[in-house]
Amino acid sequence: QVQLVESGGGLVQPGGSLRLSCTVSGFNNYYAITWFRQAPGEEREGVSCLSVTDGTTYYADSVKGRFTISRDNAKHTVYVQMDSLKPEDTAVYYCATGWGFWATRWDEGGLYDYWGQGTQVTVSS
């Protein structure tokens, strides 16, 4: 059974930092892990992606320079370090993976087969 488990969300003040974790189990043949987020009333947005085959990273323009994605292969875990957080970063964050990967379409949620349950990130003073 494939499972993706996110953790690390919470409440943080503007300008603060959080680190989210996504641990994958039951599935070894994935090419990438991608983080998405969805705020109330908003469309789902691709945030960041890491290709596990060559280490290439991808970021949405809205988070470039503030978020950093990384991995720990031994722990089957991908992290996203979120710095300089803004109120507009408030959302439920999900990680996702699947059987294929298309680098030019990394932020299309419909291409992913497996999703975590999500973790809430709230940026507020």
PDB file of N, CA and C in Angstrom:
ATOM      1  N   GLN A   1       0.842  -1.192   0.000  1.00  0.00           N
ATOM      2  CA  GLN A   1       0.000   0.000   0.000  1.00  0.00           C
ATOM      3  C   GLN A   1       0.881   1.247   0.000  1.00  0.00           C
ATOM      4  N   VAL A   2       0.626   2.111  -0.946  1.00  0.00           N
ATOM      5  CA  VAL A   2       1.404   3.336  -1.059  1.00  0.00           C
ATOM      6  C   VAL A   2       0.887   4.367  -0.069  1.00  0.00           C
ATOM      7  N   GLN A   3       1.810   4.954   0.657  1.00  0.00           N
ATOM      8  CA  GLN A   3       1.441   6.002   1.598  1.00  0.00           C
ATOM      9  C   GLN A   3       2.417   7.165   1.505  1.00  0.00           C
ATOM     10  N   LEU A   4       1.864   8.358   1.515  1.00  0.00           N
ATOM     11  CA  LEU A   4       2.659   9.572   1.635  1.00  0.00           C
ATOM     12  C   LEU A   4       2.156  10.279   2.885  1.00  0.00           C
ATOM     13  N   VAL A   5       3.058  10.570   3.780  1.00  0.00           N
ATOM     14  CA  VAL A   5       2.677  11.182   5.043  1.00  0.00           C
ATOM     15  C   VAL A   5       3.416  12.503   5.191  1.00  0.00           C
ATOM     16  N   GLU A   6       2.646  13.594   5.271  1.00  0.00           N
ATOM     17  CA  GLU A   6       3.231  14.915   5.473  1.00  0.00           C
ATOM     18  C   GLU A   6       3.231  15.255   6.961  1.00  0.00           C
ATOM     19  N   SER A   7       4.179  16.083   7.322  1.00  0.00           N
ATOM     20  CA  SER A   7       4.212  16.614   8.682  1.00  0.00           C
ATOM     21  C   SER A   7       4.965  17.937   8.666  1.00  0.00           C
ATOM     22  N   GLY A   8       4.849  18.667   9.769  1.00  0.00           N
ATOM     23  CA  GLY A   8       5.612  19.893   9.922  1.00  0.00           C
ATOM     24  C   GLY A   8       4.824  21.179   9.787  1.00  0.00           C
ATOM     25  N   GLY A   9       3.544  21.068   9.472  1.00  0.00           N
ATOM     26  CA  GLY A   9       2.743  22.281   9.366  1.00  0.00           C
ATOM     27  C   GLY A   9       2.497  22.915  10.723  1.00  0.00           C
ATOM     28  N   GLY A  10       1.922  24.113  10.681  1.00  0.00           N
ATOM     29  CA  GLY A  10       1.617  24.803  11.928  1.00  0.00           C
ATOM     30  C   GLY A  10       1.342  26.268  11.692  1.00  0.00           C
ATOM     31  N   LEU A  11       1.307  26.996  12.802  1.00  0.00           N
ATOM     32  CA  LEU A  11       1.066  28.435  12.785  1.00  0.00           C
ATOM     33  C   LEU A  11       2.394  29.157  12.953  1.00  0.00           C
ATOM     34  N   VAL A  12       2.654  30.107  12.085  1.00  0.00           N
ATOM     35  CA  VAL A  12       3.908  30.861  12.157  1.00  0.00           C
ATOM     36  C   VAL A  12       3.624  32.315  11.813  1.00  0.00           C
ATOM     37  N   GLN A  13       4.410  33.202  12.370  1.00  0.00           N
ATOM     38  CA  GLN A  13       4.251  34.623  12.083  1.00  0.00           C
ATOM     39  C   GLN A  13       4.873  34.959  10.727  1.00  0.00           C
ATOM     40  N   PRO A  14       4.393  36.019  10.104  1.00  0.00           N
ATOM     41  CA  PRO A  14       5.023  36.464   8.854  1.00  0.00           C
ATOM     42  C   PRO A  14       6.519  36.665   9.034  1.00  0.00           C
ATOM     43  N   GLY A  15       7.276  36.201   8.050  1.00  0.00           N
ATOM     44  CA  GLY A  15       8.726  36.262   8.138  1.00  0.00           C
ATOM     45  C   GLY A  15       9.352  35.040   8.767  1.00  0.00           C
ATOM     46  N   GLY A  16       8.537  34.188   9.327  1.00  0.00           N
ATOM     47  CA  GLY A  16       9.038  32.991   9.987  1.00  0.00           C
ATOM     48  C   GLY A  16       9.314  31.850   9.030  1.00  0.00           C
ATOM     49  N   SER A  17       9.670  30.699   9.603  1.00  0.00           N
ATOM     50  CA  SER A  17      10.047  29.527   8.812  1.00  0.00           C
ATOM     51  C   SER A  17       9.358  28.271   9.319  1.00  0.00           C
ATOM     52  N   LEU A  18       9.170  27.351   8.390  1.00  0.00           N
ATOM     53  CA  LEU A  18       8.693  26.012   8.703  1.00  0.00           C
ATOM     54  C   LEU A  18       9.391  25.032   7.779  1.00  0.00           C
ATOM     55  N   ARG A  19       9.511  23.797   8.216  1.00  0.00           N
ATOM     56  CA  ARG A  19      10.008  22.746   7.343  1.00  0.00           C
ATOM     57  C   ARG A  19       8.979  21.623   7.283  1.00  0.00           C
ATOM     58  N   LEU A  20       8.496  21.355   6.100  1.00  0.00           N
ATOM     59  CA  LEU A  20       7.551  20.267   5.887  1.00  0.00           C
ATOM     60  C   LEU A  20       8.299  19.015   5.452  1.00  0.00           C
ATOM     61  N   SER A  21       7.775  17.865   5.869  1.00  0.00           N
ATOM     62  CA  SER A  21       8.351  16.578   5.494  1.00  0.00           C
ATOM     63  C   SER A  21       7.306  15.729   4.791  1.00  0.00           C
ATOM     64  N   CYS A  22       7.771  14.933   3.843  1.00  0.00           N
ATOM     65  CA  CYS A  22       6.907  13.982   3.139  1.00  0.00           C
ATOM     66  C   CYS A  22       7.641  12.657   3.078  1.00  0.00           C
ATOM     67  N   THR A  23       7.104  11.664   3.767  1.00  0.00           N
ATOM     68  CA  THR A  23       7.722  10.345   3.788  1.00  0.00           C
ATOM     69  C   THR A  23       6.897   9.384   2.955  1.00  0.00           C
ATOM     70  N   VAL A  24       7.584   8.679   2.052  1.00  0.00           N
ATOM     71  CA  VAL A  24       6.926   7.760   1.126  1.00  0.00           C
ATOM     72  C   VAL A  24       7.177   6.316   1.569  1.00  0.00           C
ATOM     73  N   SER A  25       6.142   5.521   1.553  1.00  0.00           N
ATOM     74  CA  SER A  25       6.294   4.101   1.831  1.00  0.00           C
ATOM     75  C   SER A  25       5.443   3.296   0.861  1.00  0.00           C
ATOM     76  N   GLY A  26       5.858   2.052   0.641  1.00  0.00           N
ATOM     77  CA  GLY A  26       5.099   1.164  -0.227  1.00  0.00           C
ATOM     78  C   GLY A  26       5.268   1.427  -1.706  1.00  0.00           C
ATOM     79  N   PHE A  27       6.211   2.283  -2.070  1.00  0.00           N
ATOM     80  CA  PHE A  27       6.365   2.655  -3.485  1.00  0.00           C
ATOM     81  C   PHE A  27       7.795   3.122  -3.708  1.00  0.00           C
ATOM     82  N   ASN A  28       8.541   2.387  -4.538  1.00  0.00           N
ATOM     83  CA  ASN A  28       9.941   2.735  -4.755  1.00  0.00           C
ATOM     84  C   ASN A  28      10.222   3.255  -6.162  1.00  0.00           C
ATOM     85  N   ASN A  29       9.270   3.091  -7.077  1.00  0.00           N
ATOM     86  CA  ASN A  29       9.529   3.416  -8.479  1.00  0.00           C
ATOM     87  C   ASN A  29       9.072   4.803  -8.883  1.00  0.00           C
ATOM     88  N   TYR A  30       9.222   5.756  -7.967  1.00  0.00           N
ATOM     89  CA  TYR A  30       8.786   7.101  -8.308  1.00  0.00           C
ATOM     90  C   TYR A  30       9.946   7.922  -8.857  1.00  0.00           C
ATOM     91  N   TYR A  31       9.621   8.838  -9.732  1.00  0.00           N
ATOM     92  CA  TYR A  31      10.616   9.672 -10.371  1.00  0.00           C
ATOM     93  C   TYR A  31      10.742  11.050  -9.724  1.00  0.00           C
ATOM     94  N   ALA A  32       9.693  11.454  -9.047  1.00  0.00           N
ATOM     95  CA  ALA A  32       9.696  12.789  -8.456  1.00  0.00           C
ATOM     96  C   ALA A  32       8.716  12.855  -7.303  1.00  0.00           C
ATOM     97  N   ILE A  33       8.974  13.779  -6.424  1.00  0.00           N
ATOM     98  CA  ILE A  33       8.046  14.137  -5.353  1.00  0.00           C
ATOM     99  C   ILE A  33       7.743  15.626  -5.513  1.00  0.00           C
ATOM    100  N   THR A  34       6.482  15.946  -5.486  1.00  0.00           N
ATOM    101  CA  THR A  34       6.069  17.333  -5.690  1.00  0.00           C
ATOM    102  C   THR A  34       5.185  17.803  -4.538  1.00  0.00           C
ATOM    103  N   TRP A  35       5.382  19.034  -4.160  1.00  0.00           N
ATOM    104  CA  TRP A  35       4.537  19.679  -3.148  1.00  0.00           C
ATOM    105  C   TRP A  35       3.538  20.583  -3.851  1.00  0.00           C
ATOM    106  N   PHE A  36       2.298  20.460  -3.425  1.00  0.00           N
ATOM    107  CA  PHE A  36       1.220  21.340  -3.866  1.00  0.00           C
ATOM    108  C   PHE A  36       0.634  22.034  -2.646  1.00  0.00           C
ATOM    109  N   ARG A  37      -0.128  23.064  -2.893  1.00  0.00           N
ATOM    110  CA  ARG A  37      -0.871  23.692  -1.813  1.00  0.00           C
ATOM    111  C   ARG A  37      -2.210  24.176  -2.346  1.00  0.00           C
ATOM    112  N   GLN A  38      -3.138  24.275  -1.426  1.00  0.00           N
ATOM    113  CA  GLN A  38      -4.456  24.782  -1.785  1.00  0.00           C
ATOM    114  C   GLN A  38      -5.016  25.597  -0.638  1.00  0.00           C
ATOM    115  N   ALA A  39      -5.309  26.847  -0.936  1.00  0.00           N
ATOM    116  CA  ALA A  39      -5.931  27.733   0.037  1.00  0.00           C
ATOM    117  C   ALA A  39      -7.443  27.711  -0.182  1.00  0.00           C
ATOM    118  N   PRO A  40      -8.222  28.043   0.842  1.00  0.00           N
ATOM    119  CA  PRO A  40      -9.683  28.056   0.707  1.00  0.00           C
ATOM    120  C   PRO A  40     -10.127  28.937  -0.454  1.00  0.00           C
ATOM    121  N   GLY A  41     -10.959  28.393  -1.309  1.00  0.00           N
ATOM    122  CA  GLY A  41     -11.477  29.164  -2.424  1.00  0.00           C
ATOM    123  C   GLY A  41     -10.512  29.359  -3.578  1.00  0.00           C
ATOM    124  N   GLU A  42      -9.335  28.740  -3.459  1.00  0.00           N
ATOM    125  CA  GLU A  42      -8.320  28.903  -4.501  1.00  0.00           C
ATOM    126  C   GLU A  42      -8.076  27.577  -5.212  1.00  0.00           C
ATOM    127  N   GLU A  43      -7.495  27.657  -6.401  1.00  0.00           N
ATOM    128  CA  GLU A  43      -7.105  26.448  -7.106  1.00  0.00           C
ATOM    129  C   GLU A  43      -5.829  25.870  -6.489  1.00  0.00           C
ATOM    130  N   ARG A  44      -5.677  24.584  -6.672  1.00  0.00           N
ATOM    131  CA  ARG A  44      -4.456  23.921  -6.220  1.00  0.00           C
ATOM    132  C   ARG A  44      -3.267  24.460  -7.014  1.00  0.00           C
ATOM    133  N   GLU A  45      -2.158  24.653  -6.334  1.00  0.00           N
ATOM    134  CA  GLU A  45      -0.976  25.247  -6.952  1.00  0.00           C
ATOM    135  C   GLU A  45       0.241  24.364  -6.716  1.00  0.00           C
ATOM    136  N   GLY A  46       0.992  24.099  -7.759  1.00  0.00           N
ATOM    137  CA  GLY A  46       2.261  23.402  -7.601  1.00  0.00           C
ATOM    138  C   GLY A  46       3.263  24.332  -6.964  1.00  0.00           C
ATOM    139  N   VAL A  47       3.915  23.880  -5.912  1.00  0.00           N
ATOM    140  CA  VAL A  47       4.838  24.719  -5.152  1.00  0.00           C
ATOM    141  C   VAL A  47       6.277  24.404  -5.503  1.00  0.00           C
ATOM    142  N   SER A  48       6.637  23.121  -5.401  1.00  0.00           N
ATOM    143  CA  SER A  48       8.019  22.728  -5.637  1.00  0.00           C
ATOM    144  C   SER A  48       8.078  21.247  -5.939  1.00  0.00           C
ATOM    145  N   CYS A  49       9.089  20.867  -6.701  1.00  0.00           N
ATOM    146  CA  CYS A  49       9.233  19.476  -7.123  1.00  0.00           C
ATOM    147  C   CYS A  49      10.707  19.099  -7.121  1.00  0.00           C
ATOM    148  N   LEU A  50      10.961  17.837  -6.780  1.00  0.00           N
ATOM    149  CA  LEU A  50      12.321  17.319  -6.828  1.00  0.00           C
ATOM    150  C   LEU A  50      12.328  16.037  -7.649  1.00  0.00           C
ATOM    151  N   SER A  51      13.143  16.028  -8.690  1.00  0.00           N
ATOM    152  CA  SER A  51      13.319  14.808  -9.470  1.00  0.00           C
ATOM    153  C   SER A  51      14.319  13.922  -8.749  1.00  0.00           C
ATOM    154  N   VAL A  52      13.882  12.748  -8.360  1.00  0.00           N
ATOM    155  CA  VAL A  52      14.778  11.865  -7.617  1.00  0.00           C
ATOM    156  C   VAL A  52      15.767  11.162  -8.543  1.00  0.00           C
ATOM    157  N   THR A  53      15.550  11.230  -9.844  1.00  0.00           N
ATOM    158  CA  THR A  53      16.461  10.573 -10.779  1.00  0.00           C
ATOM    159  C   THR A  53      17.718  11.391 -11.023  1.00  0.00           C
ATOM    160  N   ASP A  54      17.583  12.711 -11.072  1.00  0.00           N
ATOM    161  CA  ASP A  54      18.767  13.533 -11.331  1.00  0.00           C
ATOM    162  C   ASP A  54      18.916  14.713 -10.372  1.00  0.00           C
ATOM    163  N   GLY A  55      18.024  14.829  -9.412  1.00  0.00           N
ATOM    164  CA  GLY A  55      18.149  15.874  -8.412  1.00  0.00           C
ATOM    165  C   GLY A  55      17.683  17.251  -8.852  1.00  0.00           C
ATOM    166  N   THR A  56      17.143  17.366 -10.057  1.00  0.00           N
ATOM    167  CA  THR A  56      16.663  18.667 -10.510  1.00  0.00           C
ATOM    168  C   THR A  56      15.510  19.147  -9.637  1.00  0.00           C
ATOM    169  N   THR A  57      15.523  20.434  -9.334  1.00  0.00           N
ATOM    170  CA  THR A  57      14.459  21.014  -8.523  1.00  0.00           C
ATOM    171  C   THR A  57      13.676  22.036  -9.336  1.00  0.00           C
ATOM    172  N   TYR A  58      12.417  22.180  -8.963  1.00  0.00           N
ATOM    173  CA  TYR A  58      11.506  23.095  -9.644  1.00  0.00           C
ATOM    174  C   TYR A  58      10.747  23.887  -8.589  1.00  0.00           C
ATOM    175  N   TYR A  59      10.489  25.161  -8.892  1.00  0.00           N
ATOM    176  CA  TYR A  59       9.784  26.010  -7.949  1.00  0.00           C
ATOM    177  C   TYR A  59       8.777  26.888  -8.678  1.00  0.00           C
ATOM    178  N   ALA A  60       7.666  27.125  -8.016  1.00  0.00           N
ATOM    179  CA  ALA A  60       6.736  28.135  -8.503  1.00  0.00           C
ATOM    180  C   ALA A  60       7.370  29.508  -8.328  1.00  0.00           C
ATOM    181  N   ASP A  61       7.029  30.422  -9.204  1.00  0.00           N
ATOM    182  CA  ASP A  61       7.592  31.768  -9.113  1.00  0.00           C
ATOM    183  C   ASP A  61       7.273  32.407  -7.764  1.00  0.00           C
ATOM    184  N   SER A  62       6.128  32.065  -7.212  1.00  0.00           N
ATOM    185  CA  SER A  62       5.683  32.683  -5.962  1.00  0.00           C
ATOM    186  C   SER A  62       6.539  32.296  -4.761  1.00  0.00           C
ATOM    187  N   VAL A  63       7.332  31.228  -4.898  1.00  0.00           N
ATOM    188  CA  VAL A  63       8.123  30.773  -3.750  1.00  0.00           C
ATOM    189  C   VAL A  63       9.622  30.750  -4.026  1.00  0.00           C
ATOM    190  N   LYS A  64      10.026  31.068  -5.244  1.00  0.00           N
ATOM    191  CA  LYS A  64      11.456  31.051  -5.583  1.00  0.00           C
ATOM    192  C   LYS A  64      12.236  31.979  -4.665  1.00  0.00           C
ATOM    193  N   GLY A  65      13.359  31.478  -4.189  1.00  0.00           N
ATOM    194  CA  GLY A  65      14.194  32.262  -3.295  1.00  0.00           C
ATOM    195  C   GLY A  65      13.798  32.169  -1.844  1.00  0.00           C
ATOM    196  N   ARG A  66      12.627  31.595  -1.573  1.00  0.00           N
ATOM    197  CA  ARG A  66      12.152  31.466  -0.184  1.00  0.00           C
ATOM    198  C   ARG A  66      12.015  30.009   0.246  1.00  0.00           C
ATOM    199  N   PHE A  67      11.670  29.135  -0.691  1.00  0.00           N
ATOM    200  CA  PHE A  67      11.478  27.725  -0.373  1.00  0.00           C
ATOM    201  C   PHE A  67      12.635  26.925  -0.960  1.00  0.00           C
ATOM    202  N   THR A  68      13.034  25.868  -0.241  1.00  0.00           N
ATOM    203  CA  THR A  68      14.091  24.985  -0.716  1.00  0.00           C
ATOM    204  C   THR A  68      13.651  23.540  -0.526  1.00  0.00           C
ATOM    205  N   ILE A  69      13.672  22.765  -1.593  1.00  0.00           N
ATOM    206  CA  ILE A  69      13.293  21.358  -1.518  1.00  0.00           C
ATOM    207  C   ILE A  69      14.555  20.507  -1.458  1.00  0.00           C
ATOM    208  N   SER A  70      14.483  19.434  -0.667  1.00  0.00           N
ATOM    209  CA  SER A  70      15.631  18.545  -0.517  1.00  0.00           C
ATOM    210  C   SER A  70      15.128  17.147  -0.169  1.00  0.00           C
ATOM    211  N   ARG A  71      16.052  16.199  -0.072  1.00  0.00           N
ATOM    212  CA  ARG A  71      15.624  14.838   0.215  1.00  0.00           C
ATOM    213  C   ARG A  71      16.643  14.128   1.085  1.00  0.00           C
ATOM    214  N   ASP A  72      16.143  13.107   1.758  1.00  0.00           N
ATOM    215  CA  ASP A  72      16.965  12.168   2.503  1.00  0.00           C
ATOM    216  C   ASP A  72      16.614  10.792   1.955  1.00  0.00           C
ATOM    217  N   ASN A  73      17.472  10.277   1.086  1.00  0.00           N
ATOM    218  CA  ASN A  73      17.148   9.006   0.419  1.00  0.00           C
ATOM    219  C   ASN A  73      16.979   7.861   1.411  1.00  0.00           C
ATOM    220  N   ALA A  74      17.811   7.843   2.423  1.00  0.00           N
ATOM    221  CA  ALA A  74      17.766   6.742   3.388  1.00  0.00           C
ATOM    222  C   ALA A  74      16.435   6.700   4.126  1.00  0.00           C
ATOM    223  N   LYS A  75      15.830   7.863   4.287  1.00  0.00           N
ATOM    224  CA  LYS A  75      14.563   7.937   5.024  1.00  0.00           C
ATOM    225  C   LYS A  75      13.364   8.015   4.075  1.00  0.00           C
ATOM    226  N   HIS A  76      13.611   7.950   2.757  1.00  0.00           N
ATOM    227  CA  HIS A  76      12.528   8.075   1.773  1.00  0.00           C
ATOM    228  C   HIS A  76      11.682   9.317   2.064  1.00  0.00           C
ATOM    229  N   THR A  77      12.361  10.388   2.376  1.00  0.00           N
ATOM    230  CA  THR A  77      11.679  11.611   2.797  1.00  0.00           C
ATOM    231  C   THR A  77      12.152  12.792   1.972  1.00  0.00           C
ATOM    232  N   VAL A  78      11.199  13.619   1.586  1.00  0.00           N
ATOM    233  CA  VAL A  78      11.484  14.878   0.899  1.00  0.00           C
ATOM    234  C   VAL A  78      11.020  16.018   1.795  1.00  0.00           C
ATOM    235  N   TYR A  79      11.827  17.040   1.870  1.00  0.00           N
ATOM    236  CA  TYR A  79      11.543  18.186   2.730  1.00  0.00           C
ATOM    237  C   TYR A  79      11.333  19.435   1.867  1.00  0.00           C
ATOM    238  N   VAL A  80      10.572  20.359   2.402  1.00  0.00           N
ATOM    239  CA  VAL A  80      10.554  21.702   1.833  1.00  0.00           C
ATOM    240  C   VAL A  80      10.760  22.686   2.973  1.00  0.00           C
ATOM    241  N   GLN A  81      11.875  23.372   2.925  1.00  0.00           N
ATOM    242  CA  GLN A  81      12.185  24.417   3.900  1.00  0.00           C
ATOM    243  C   GLN A  81      11.548  25.704   3.413  1.00  0.00           C
ATOM    244  N   MET A  82      10.676  26.259   4.228  1.00  0.00           N
ATOM    245  CA  MET A  82       9.946  27.461   3.839  1.00  0.00           C
ATOM    246  C   MET A  82      10.391  28.623   4.722  1.00  0.00           C
ATOM    247  N   ASP A  83      11.044  29.588   4.145  1.00  0.00           N
ATOM    248  CA  ASP A  83      11.541  30.752   4.860  1.00  0.00           C
ATOM    249  C   ASP A  83      10.807  32.009   4.389  1.00  0.00           C
ATOM    250  N   SER A  84      10.951  33.056   5.168  1.00  0.00           N
ATOM    251  CA  SER A  84      10.321  34.345   4.830  1.00  0.00           C
ATOM    252  C   SER A  84       8.848  34.163   4.470  1.00  0.00           C
ATOM    253  N   LEU A  85       8.164  33.423   5.293  1.00  0.00           N
ATOM    254  CA  LEU A  85       6.774  33.100   5.003  1.00  0.00           C
ATOM    255  C   LEU A  85       5.892  34.339   5.013  1.00  0.00           C
ATOM    256  N   LYS A  86       4.892  34.312   4.142  1.00  0.00           N
ATOM    257  CA  LYS A  86       3.964  35.423   3.988  1.00  0.00           C
ATOM    258  C   LYS A  86       2.545  34.923   4.266  1.00  0.00           C
ATOM    259  N   PRO A  87       1.636  35.803   4.616  1.00  0.00           N
ATOM    260  CA  PRO A  87       0.245  35.368   4.836  1.00  0.00           C
ATOM    261  C   PRO A  87      -0.329  34.642   3.621  1.00  0.00           C
ATOM    262  N   GLU A  88       0.084  35.022   2.434  1.00  0.00           N
ATOM    263  CA  GLU A  88      -0.437  34.361   1.235  1.00  0.00           C
ATOM    264  C   GLU A  88       0.106  32.942   1.044  1.00  0.00           C
ATOM    265  N   ASP A  89       1.028  32.511   1.886  1.00  0.00           N
ATOM    266  CA  ASP A  89       1.484  31.119   1.857  1.00  0.00           C
ATOM    267  C   ASP A  89       0.545  30.209   2.653  1.00  0.00           C
ATOM    268  N   THR A  90      -0.410  30.792   3.339  1.00  0.00           N
ATOM    269  CA  THR A  90      -1.363  30.008   4.116  1.00  0.00           C
ATOM    270  C   THR A  90      -2.167  29.086   3.212  1.00  0.00           C
ATOM    271  N   ALA A  91      -2.133  27.792   3.530  1.00  0.00           N
ATOM    272  CA  ALA A  91      -2.806  26.791   2.703  1.00  0.00           C
ATOM    273  C   ALA A  91      -2.615  25.424   3.347  1.00  0.00           C
ATOM    274  N   VAL A  92      -3.328  24.446   2.812  1.00  0.00           N
ATOM    275  CA  VAL A  92      -3.025  23.049   3.108  1.00  0.00           C
ATOM    276  C   VAL A  92      -1.991  22.595   2.081  1.00  0.00           C
ATOM    277  N   TYR A  93      -0.920  22.028   2.575  1.00  0.00           N
ATOM    278  CA  TYR A  93       0.167  21.578   1.711  1.00  0.00           C
ATOM    279  C   TYR A  93       0.111  20.059   1.581  1.00  0.00           C
ATOM    280  N   TYR A  94       0.217  19.603   0.342  1.00  0.00           N
ATOM    281  CA  TYR A  94       0.174  18.178   0.026  1.00  0.00           C
ATOM    282  C   TYR A  94       1.433  17.774  -0.727  1.00  0.00           C
ATOM    283  N   CYS A  95       1.886  16.546  -0.508  1.00  0.00           N
ATOM    284  CA  CYS A  95       2.920  16.002  -1.386  1.00  0.00           C
ATOM    285  C   CYS A  95       2.295  14.921  -2.255  1.00  0.00           C
ATOM    286  N   ALA A  96       2.899  14.732  -3.402  1.00  0.00           N
ATOM    287  CA  ALA A  96       2.344  13.801  -4.376  1.00  0.00           C
ATOM    288  C   ALA A  96       3.462  13.150  -5.171  1.00  0.00           C
ATOM    289  N   THR A  97       3.146  11.955  -5.698  1.00  0.00           N
ATOM    290  CA  THR A  97       4.080  11.263  -6.559  1.00  0.00           C
ATOM    291  C   THR A  97       3.299  10.373  -7.511  1.00  0.00           C
ATOM    292  N   GLY A  98       4.012   9.700  -8.412  1.00  0.00           N
ATOM    293  CA  GLY A  98       3.305   8.855  -9.359  1.00  0.00           C
ATOM    294  C   GLY A  98       4.246   7.991 -10.166  1.00  0.00           C
ATOM    295  N   TRP A  99       3.670   7.314 -11.145  1.00  0.00           N
ATOM    296  CA  TRP A  99       4.419   6.354 -11.956  1.00  0.00           C
ATOM    297  C   TRP A  99       5.230   7.032 -13.048  1.00  0.00           C
ATOM    298  N   GLY A 100       4.893   8.244 -13.396  1.00  0.00           N
ATOM    299  CA  GLY A 100       5.628   8.945 -14.447  1.00  0.00           C
ATOM    300  C   GLY A 100       6.020  10.325 -13.987  1.00  0.00           C
ATOM    301  N   PHE A 101       6.756  11.020 -14.834  1.00  0.00           N
ATOM    302  CA  PHE A 101       7.131  12.397 -14.518  1.00  0.00           C
ATOM    303  C   PHE A 101       7.408  13.132 -15.816  1.00  0.00           C
ATOM    304  N   TRP A 102       6.830  14.328 -15.909  1.00  0.00           N
ATOM    305  CA  TRP A 102       7.029  15.164 -17.075  1.00  0.00           C
ATOM    306  C   TRP A 102       7.555  16.511 -16.591  1.00  0.00           C
ATOM    307  N   ALA A 103       8.795  16.774 -16.819  1.00  0.00           N
ATOM    308  CA  ALA A 103       9.465  17.930 -16.237  1.00  0.00           C
ATOM    309  C   ALA A 103       8.767  19.243 -16.579  1.00  0.00           C
ATOM    310  N   THR A 104       8.254  19.346 -17.789  1.00  0.00           N
ATOM    311  CA  THR A 104       7.626  20.604 -18.189  1.00  0.00           C
ATOM    312  C   THR A 104       6.207  20.736 -17.651  1.00  0.00           C
ATOM    313  N   ARG A 105       5.704  19.687 -17.011  1.00  0.00           N
ATOM    314  CA  ARG A 105       4.343  19.696 -16.479  1.00  0.00           C
ATOM    315  C   ARG A 105       4.329  19.289 -15.025  1.00  0.00           C
ATOM    316  N   TRP A 106       5.427  19.596 -14.320  1.00  0.00           N
ATOM    317  CA  TRP A 106       5.585  19.110 -12.945  1.00  0.00           C
ATOM    318  C   TRP A 106       4.494  19.628 -12.022  1.00  0.00           C
ATOM    319  N   ASP A 107       3.899  20.756 -12.374  1.00  0.00           N
ATOM    320  CA  ASP A 107       2.920  21.370 -11.477  1.00  0.00           C
ATOM    321  C   ASP A 107       1.469  21.021 -11.809  1.00  0.00           C
ATOM    322  N   GLU A 108       1.283  20.023 -12.658  1.00  0.00           N
ATOM    323  CA  GLU A 108      -0.078  19.599 -13.006  1.00  0.00           C
ATOM    324  C   GLU A 108      -0.499  18.454 -12.091  1.00  0.00           C
ATOM    325  N   GLY A 109      -1.360  18.759 -11.171  1.00  0.00           N
ATOM    326  CA  GLY A 109      -1.749  17.769 -10.178  1.00  0.00           C
ATOM    327  C   GLY A 109      -2.379  16.520 -10.755  1.00  0.00           C
ATOM    328  N   GLY A 110      -3.061  16.653 -11.879  1.00  0.00           N
ATOM    329  CA  GLY A 110      -3.726  15.510 -12.481  1.00  0.00           C
ATOM    330  C   GLY A 110      -2.792  14.419 -12.951  1.00  0.00           C
ATOM    331  N   LEU A 111      -1.503  14.709 -13.035  1.00  0.00           N
ATOM    332  CA  LEU A 111      -0.536  13.723 -13.506  1.00  0.00           C
ATOM    333  C   LEU A 111       0.019  12.848 -12.384  1.00  0.00           C
ATOM    334  N   TYR A 112      -0.390  13.120 -11.158  1.00  0.00           N
ATOM    335  CA  TYR A 112       0.138  12.374 -10.014  1.00  0.00           C
ATOM    336  C   TYR A 112      -0.874  11.336  -9.541  1.00  0.00           C
ATOM    337  N   ASP A 113      -0.351  10.199  -9.104  1.00  0.00           N
ATOM    338  CA  ASP A 113      -1.202   9.069  -8.737  1.00  0.00           C
ATOM    339  C   ASP A 113      -1.458   8.946  -7.242  1.00  0.00           C
ATOM    340  N   TYR A 114      -0.506   9.410  -6.457  1.00  0.00           N
ATOM    341  CA  TYR A 114      -0.601   9.204  -5.014  1.00  0.00           C
ATOM    342  C   TYR A 114      -0.391  10.537  -4.286  1.00  0.00           C
ATOM    343  N   TRP A 115      -1.221  10.725  -3.262  1.00  0.00           N
ATOM    344  CA  TRP A 115      -1.225  11.982  -2.519  1.00  0.00           C
ATOM    345  C   TRP A 115      -1.212  11.708  -1.024  1.00  0.00           C
ATOM    346  N   GLY A 116      -0.610  12.632  -0.301  1.00  0.00           N
ATOM    347  CA  GLY A 116      -0.705  12.593   1.147  1.00  0.00           C
ATOM    348  C   GLY A 116      -1.998  13.234   1.617  1.00  0.00           C
ATOM    349  N   GLN A 117      -2.176  13.247   2.926  1.00  0.00           N
ATOM    350  CA  GLN A 117      -3.416  13.750   3.506  1.00  0.00           C
ATOM    351  C   GLN A 117      -3.403  15.258   3.695  1.00  0.00           C
ATOM    352  N   GLY A 118      -2.242  15.855   3.600  1.00  0.00           N
ATOM    353  CA  GLY A 118      -2.118  17.295   3.723  1.00  0.00           C
ATOM    354  C   GLY A 118      -1.743  17.745   5.119  1.00  0.00           C
ATOM    355  N   THR A 119      -1.079  18.884   5.183  1.00  0.00           N
ATOM    356  CA  THR A 119      -0.728  19.506   6.462  1.00  0.00           C
ATOM    357  C   THR A 119      -0.992  20.998   6.351  1.00  0.00           C
ATOM    358  N   GLN A 120      -1.616  21.545   7.368  1.00  0.00           N
ATOM    359  CA  GLN A 120      -2.025  22.949   7.339  1.00  0.00           C
ATOM    360  C   GLN A 120      -0.855  23.858   7.699  1.00  0.00           C
ATOM    361  N   VAL A 121      -0.667  24.873   6.893  1.00  0.00           N
ATOM    362  CA  VAL A 121       0.294  25.932   7.190  1.00  0.00           C
ATOM    363  C   VAL A 121      -0.476  27.239   7.275  1.00  0.00           C
ATOM    364  N   THR A 122      -0.348  27.919   8.400  1.00  0.00           N
ATOM    365  CA  THR A 122      -1.018  29.202   8.602  1.00  0.00           C
ATOM    366  C   THR A 122       0.024  30.248   8.953  1.00  0.00           C
ATOM    367  N   VAL A 123       0.061  31.300   8.170  1.00  0.00           N
ATOM    368  CA  VAL A 123       0.998  32.396   8.397  1.00  0.00           C
ATOM    369  C   VAL A 123       0.184  33.614   8.816  1.00  0.00           C
ATOM    370  N   SER A 124       0.302  33.963  10.077  1.00  0.00           N
ATOM    371  CA  SER A 124      -0.527  35.040  10.607  1.00  0.00           C
ATOM    372  C   SER A 124       0.124  35.621  11.839  1.00  0.00           C
ATOM    373  N   SER A 125      -0.087  36.915  12.040  1.00  0.00           N
ATOM    374  CA  SER A 125       0.403  37.557  13.251  1.00  0.00           C
ATOM    375  C   SER A 125      -0.675  37.560  14.328  1.00  0.00           C
TER     376      SER A 125
END
